[in-house]
Every structure is written in structure tokens, then in C-alpha cells.
Amino acid sequence: FVSHASYWEIAIKVSIGRLTFPLESIESELQLNGFELLPIKSSHILHSASLPMLHRDPFDRILIAQAQIENLSLVTADQHIQKYALSWIW
């Protein structure tokens, strides 16, 4: 899975010039590589609000909540994320 939060963050970075990427191809590229988009649910939002403030980035907090609720491993090298109770790979 790839979170809609990651898709949204990429779109923001493209729009402000911090990334160069053809946004219109993201969904087809994900599908070609065997990934599905993971929607942001109300339960993810509510859970992100209850997380300890070890990390303040709202996108990362949603990713943490999604990983915890959906029992998924998160691919990250971010040491702040790795402090949370979740399975991570990197």
C-alpha cells in the first residue's frame, strides 16, 4: 500500500517546486508496480490525534496511525517515527 497521505505530500512538493514528478502518472505507476492506494479514514485521523507528540509532522502522524490501525509495516528511515509502537522497515 501507499497512503493517500504520501500521494498528497508528493503533490504539495511538486506544486512548490521541491520535487519534479509527473503527478498524473502516480496512480498508474503504483498499479504497475503492484501497489494500491490506502485511503485516509476517519479512524486514522482520530488515532493520529491520540498519538504521543514524539513527532509533529501531520503527514507522518497519519502514516503512523494507518500503520498501527491497519497492522502494516511502515517503510521509513525517520528515527522519530521509529520511536512509535509499530513495525517498520529500513
N, C-alpha and C. Protein backbone atom coordinates (compact mmCIF):
# COMPACT_ATOMS: atom_id res chain seq x y z
N PHE A 1 0.83 -1.19 0.00
CA PHE A 1 0.00 0.00 0.00
C PHE A 1 0.87 1.25 0.00
N VAL A 2 0.34 2.30 -0.59
CA VAL A 2 0.93 3.64 -0.49
C VAL A 2 -0.21 4.54 -0.02
N SER A 3 0.02 5.25 1.04
CA SER A 3 -1.02 6.09 1.64
C SER A 3 -1.37 7.29 0.77
N HIS A 4 -2.65 7.63 0.80
CA HIS A 4 -3.07 8.88 0.17
C HIS A 4 -2.31 10.06 0.78
N ALA A 5 -1.89 9.93 2.04
CA ALA A 5 -1.11 11.00 2.69
C ALA A 5 0.21 11.20 1.97
N SER A 6 0.85 10.12 1.56
CA SER A 6 2.12 10.23 0.82
C SER A 6 1.89 10.84 -0.56
N TYR A 7 0.81 10.43 -1.21
CA TYR A 7 0.43 10.98 -2.52
C TYR A 7 0.22 12.49 -2.39
N TRP A 8 -0.51 12.89 -1.36
CA TRP A 8 -0.80 14.31 -1.11
C TRP A 8 0.49 15.09 -0.84
N GLU A 9 1.37 14.52 -0.03
CA GLU A 9 2.63 15.19 0.29
C GLU A 9 3.50 15.36 -0.97
N ILE A 10 3.52 14.35 -1.82
CA ILE A 10 4.25 14.46 -3.10
C ILE A 10 3.66 15.57 -3.95
N ALA A 11 2.33 15.64 -4.02
CA ALA A 11 1.66 16.68 -4.81
C ALA A 11 2.03 18.08 -4.31
N ILE A 12 2.07 18.25 -3.00
CA ILE A 12 2.45 19.55 -2.42
C ILE A 12 3.89 19.89 -2.80
N LYS A 13 4.79 18.93 -2.68
CA LYS A 13 6.20 19.19 -3.00
C LYS A 13 6.40 19.49 -4.49
N VAL A 14 5.63 18.84 -5.35
CA VAL A 14 5.69 19.15 -6.78
C VAL A 14 5.19 20.57 -7.02
N SER A 15 4.09 20.94 -6.36
CA SER A 15 3.49 22.27 -6.60
C SER A 15 4.37 23.42 -6.13
N ILE A 16 5.23 23.17 -5.12
CA ILE A 16 6.12 24.25 -4.65
C ILE A 16 7.53 24.13 -5.23
N GLY A 17 7.71 23.18 -6.15
CA GLY A 17 8.98 23.06 -6.85
C GLY A 17 10.06 22.28 -6.12
N ARG A 18 9.72 21.58 -5.05
CA ARG A 18 10.73 20.80 -4.32
C ARG A 18 10.92 19.40 -4.89
N LEU A 19 10.01 18.99 -5.77
CA LEU A 19 10.09 17.70 -6.45
C LEU A 19 9.66 17.89 -7.90
N THR A 20 10.27 17.15 -8.78
CA THR A 20 9.84 17.14 -10.18
C THR A 20 9.33 15.74 -10.46
N PHE A 21 8.03 15.65 -10.68
CA PHE A 21 7.42 14.35 -10.88
C PHE A 21 6.10 14.54 -11.62
N PRO A 22 5.80 13.72 -12.62
CA PRO A 22 4.51 13.85 -13.32
C PRO A 22 3.38 13.27 -12.47
N LEU A 23 2.67 14.13 -11.75
CA LEU A 23 1.63 13.68 -10.82
C LEU A 23 0.58 12.80 -11.48
N GLU A 24 0.26 13.10 -12.74
CA GLU A 24 -0.79 12.35 -13.41
C GLU A 24 -0.42 10.88 -13.62
N SER A 25 0.84 10.53 -13.43
CA SER A 25 1.26 9.14 -13.64
C SER A 25 1.41 8.34 -12.34
N ILE A 26 1.20 8.97 -11.19
CA ILE A 26 1.42 8.28 -9.92
C ILE A 26 0.56 7.03 -9.80
N GLU A 27 -0.73 7.16 -10.02
CA GLU A 27 -1.62 6.02 -9.81
C GLU A 27 -1.29 4.87 -10.75
N SER A 28 -1.01 5.17 -12.01
CA SER A 28 -0.68 4.09 -12.95
C SER A 28 0.66 3.45 -12.61
N GLU A 29 1.63 4.25 -12.17
CA GLU A 29 2.94 3.70 -11.77
C GLU A 29 2.80 2.80 -10.54
N LEU A 30 1.98 3.22 -9.58
CA LEU A 30 1.76 2.40 -8.40
C LEU A 30 1.14 1.06 -8.79
N GLN A 31 0.12 1.14 -9.64
CA GLN A 31 -0.57 -0.07 -10.08
C GLN A 31 0.38 -1.00 -10.85
N LEU A 32 1.19 -0.44 -11.74
CA LEU A 32 2.15 -1.24 -12.50
C LEU A 32 3.14 -1.96 -11.59
N ASN A 33 3.43 -1.36 -10.44
CA ASN A 33 4.40 -1.94 -9.50
C ASN A 33 3.75 -2.72 -8.37
N GLY A 34 2.45 -2.97 -8.48
CA GLY A 34 1.75 -3.82 -7.52
C GLY A 34 1.31 -3.15 -6.24
N PHE A 35 1.25 -1.83 -6.22
CA PHE A 35 0.82 -1.10 -5.03
C PHE A 35 -0.62 -0.63 -5.18
N GLU A 36 -1.30 -0.50 -4.06
CA GLU A 36 -2.64 0.08 -4.00
C GLU A 36 -2.58 1.33 -3.13
N LEU A 37 -3.44 2.30 -3.44
CA LEU A 37 -3.53 3.48 -2.58
C LEU A 37 -4.35 3.14 -1.34
N LEU A 38 -3.87 3.58 -0.20
CA LEU A 38 -4.56 3.37 1.07
C LEU A 38 -5.25 4.68 1.45
N PRO A 39 -6.58 4.68 1.45
CA PRO A 39 -7.30 5.91 1.78
C PRO A 39 -7.10 6.32 3.24
N ILE A 40 -7.27 7.60 3.50
CA ILE A 40 -7.24 8.11 4.87
C ILE A 40 -8.66 8.01 5.41
N LYS A 41 -8.83 7.24 6.48
CA LYS A 41 -10.15 7.04 7.08
C LYS A 41 -10.29 7.92 8.33
N SER A 42 -11.53 8.12 8.75
CA SER A 42 -11.78 8.88 9.98
C SER A 42 -11.06 8.26 11.16
N SER A 43 -11.01 6.94 11.21
CA SER A 43 -10.33 6.26 12.32
C SER A 43 -8.84 6.59 12.34
N HIS A 44 -8.24 6.76 11.17
CA HIS A 44 -6.82 7.14 11.10
C HIS A 44 -6.62 8.55 11.66
N ILE A 45 -7.51 9.44 11.28
CA ILE A 45 -7.41 10.84 11.74
C ILE A 45 -7.56 10.91 13.26
N LEU A 46 -8.57 10.23 13.78
CA LEU A 46 -8.80 10.25 15.23
C LEU A 46 -7.63 9.62 15.97
N HIS A 47 -7.11 8.53 15.45
CA HIS A 47 -5.97 7.87 16.11
C HIS A 47 -4.72 8.75 16.07
N SER A 48 -4.51 9.45 14.96
CA SER A 48 -3.33 10.32 14.86
C SER A 48 -3.36 11.41 15.93
N ALA A 49 -4.57 11.86 16.28
CA ALA A 49 -4.70 12.91 17.30
C ALA A 49 -4.38 12.38 18.69
N SER A 50 -4.48 11.07 18.88
CA SER A 50 -4.22 10.49 20.21
C SER A 50 -2.78 10.00 20.38
N LEU A 51 -1.99 10.08 19.33
CA LEU A 51 -0.59 9.62 19.42
C LEU A 51 0.23 10.56 20.30
N PRO A 52 1.22 10.01 21.01
CA PRO A 52 2.12 10.90 21.76
C PRO A 52 2.85 11.84 20.81
N MET A 53 3.19 13.01 21.27
CA MET A 53 3.83 14.02 20.42
C MET A 53 5.34 13.79 20.29
N LEU A 54 5.71 12.59 19.85
CA LEU A 54 7.11 12.30 19.58
C LEU A 54 7.52 12.85 18.22
N HIS A 55 6.52 13.12 17.39
CA HIS A 55 6.75 13.61 16.04
C HIS A 55 5.61 14.56 15.69
N ARG A 56 5.92 15.74 15.18
CA ARG A 56 4.89 16.74 14.93
C ARG A 56 4.41 16.82 13.48
N ASP A 57 5.09 16.16 12.56
CA ASP A 57 4.72 16.23 11.15
C ASP A 57 3.36 15.54 10.94
N PRO A 58 2.34 16.30 10.49
CA PRO A 58 1.00 15.72 10.36
C PRO A 58 0.92 14.57 9.35
N PHE A 59 1.69 14.63 8.28
CA PHE A 59 1.69 13.54 7.31
C PHE A 59 2.27 12.27 7.95
N ASP A 60 3.35 12.42 8.67
CA ASP A 60 3.96 11.26 9.32
C ASP A 60 3.04 10.69 10.40
N ARG A 61 2.34 11.56 11.11
CA ARG A 61 1.42 11.09 12.15
C ARG A 61 0.27 10.28 11.54
N ILE A 62 -0.21 10.69 10.38
CA ILE A 62 -1.25 9.91 9.69
C ILE A 62 -0.68 8.56 9.26
N LEU A 63 0.54 8.55 8.72
CA LEU A 63 1.17 7.29 8.30
C LEU A 63 1.34 6.35 9.49
N ILE A 64 1.73 6.89 10.63
CA ILE A 64 1.88 6.08 11.85
C ILE A 64 0.53 5.49 12.25
N ALA A 65 -0.50 6.33 12.27
CA ALA A 65 -1.84 5.86 12.63
C ALA A 65 -2.33 4.79 11.67
N GLN A 66 -2.11 4.99 10.37
CA GLN A 66 -2.53 3.99 9.39
C GLN A 66 -1.80 2.67 9.62
N ALA A 67 -0.50 2.73 9.85
CA ALA A 67 0.28 1.51 10.07
C ALA A 67 -0.22 0.77 11.31
N GLN A 68 -0.50 1.51 12.37
CA GLN A 68 -0.96 0.88 13.60
C GLN A 68 -2.36 0.27 13.44
N ILE A 69 -3.28 1.03 12.89
CA ILE A 69 -4.66 0.56 12.76
C ILE A 69 -4.79 -0.58 11.75
N GLU A 70 -4.10 -0.46 10.64
CA GLU A 70 -4.22 -1.46 9.57
C GLU A 70 -3.22 -2.60 9.73
N ASN A 71 -2.42 -2.56 10.80
CA ASN A 71 -1.41 -3.58 11.07
C ASN A 71 -0.46 -3.76 9.88
N LEU A 72 0.10 -2.65 9.44
CA LEU A 72 1.03 -2.63 8.31
C LEU A 72 2.41 -2.19 8.78
N SER A 73 3.42 -2.61 8.06
CA SER A 73 4.78 -2.13 8.32
C SER A 73 5.00 -0.85 7.54
N LEU A 74 5.69 0.09 8.14
CA LEU A 74 5.96 1.38 7.52
C LEU A 74 7.42 1.40 7.05
N VAL A 75 7.64 1.75 5.80
CA VAL A 75 9.00 1.86 5.27
C VAL A 75 9.49 3.27 5.56
N THR A 76 10.49 3.38 6.44
CA THR A 76 10.99 4.69 6.85
C THR A 76 12.38 4.60 7.47
N ALA A 77 13.15 5.65 7.28
CA ALA A 77 14.43 5.79 7.97
C ALA A 77 14.33 6.87 9.05
N ASP A 78 13.14 7.45 9.21
CA ASP A 78 12.90 8.53 10.16
C ASP A 78 12.94 7.99 11.59
N GLN A 79 13.93 8.43 12.35
CA GLN A 79 14.11 7.94 13.71
C GLN A 79 12.98 8.36 14.65
N HIS A 80 12.31 9.47 14.33
CA HIS A 80 11.17 9.90 15.16
C HIS A 80 10.02 8.91 15.00
N ILE A 81 9.76 8.48 13.78
CA ILE A 81 8.69 7.51 13.53
C ILE A 81 9.02 6.18 14.20
N GLN A 82 10.28 5.81 14.19
CA GLN A 82 10.69 4.52 14.74
C GLN A 82 10.53 4.44 16.25
N LYS A 83 10.24 5.57 16.91
CA LYS A 83 10.01 5.59 18.36
C LYS A 83 8.61 5.10 18.72
N TYR A 84 7.70 5.06 17.73
CA TYR A 84 6.32 4.64 17.97
C TYR A 84 6.20 3.12 17.94
N ALA A 85 5.15 2.62 18.57
CA ALA A 85 4.88 1.18 18.59
C ALA A 85 4.28 0.77 17.25
N LEU A 86 5.17 0.39 16.34
CA LEU A 86 4.74 -0.08 15.03
C LEU A 86 5.87 -0.85 14.38
N SER A 87 5.51 -1.63 13.39
CA SER A 87 6.51 -2.37 12.64
C SER A 87 7.03 -1.47 11.53
N TRP A 88 8.36 -1.35 11.41
CA TRP A 88 8.94 -0.51 10.36
C TRP A 88 10.08 -1.26 9.67
N ILE A 89 10.33 -0.86 8.44
CA ILE A 89 11.37 -1.47 7.62
C ILE A 89 12.30 -0.37 7.12
N TRP A 90 13.62 -0.58 7.26
CA TRP A 90 14.63 0.25 6.60
C TRP A 90 15.99 -0.07 7.11
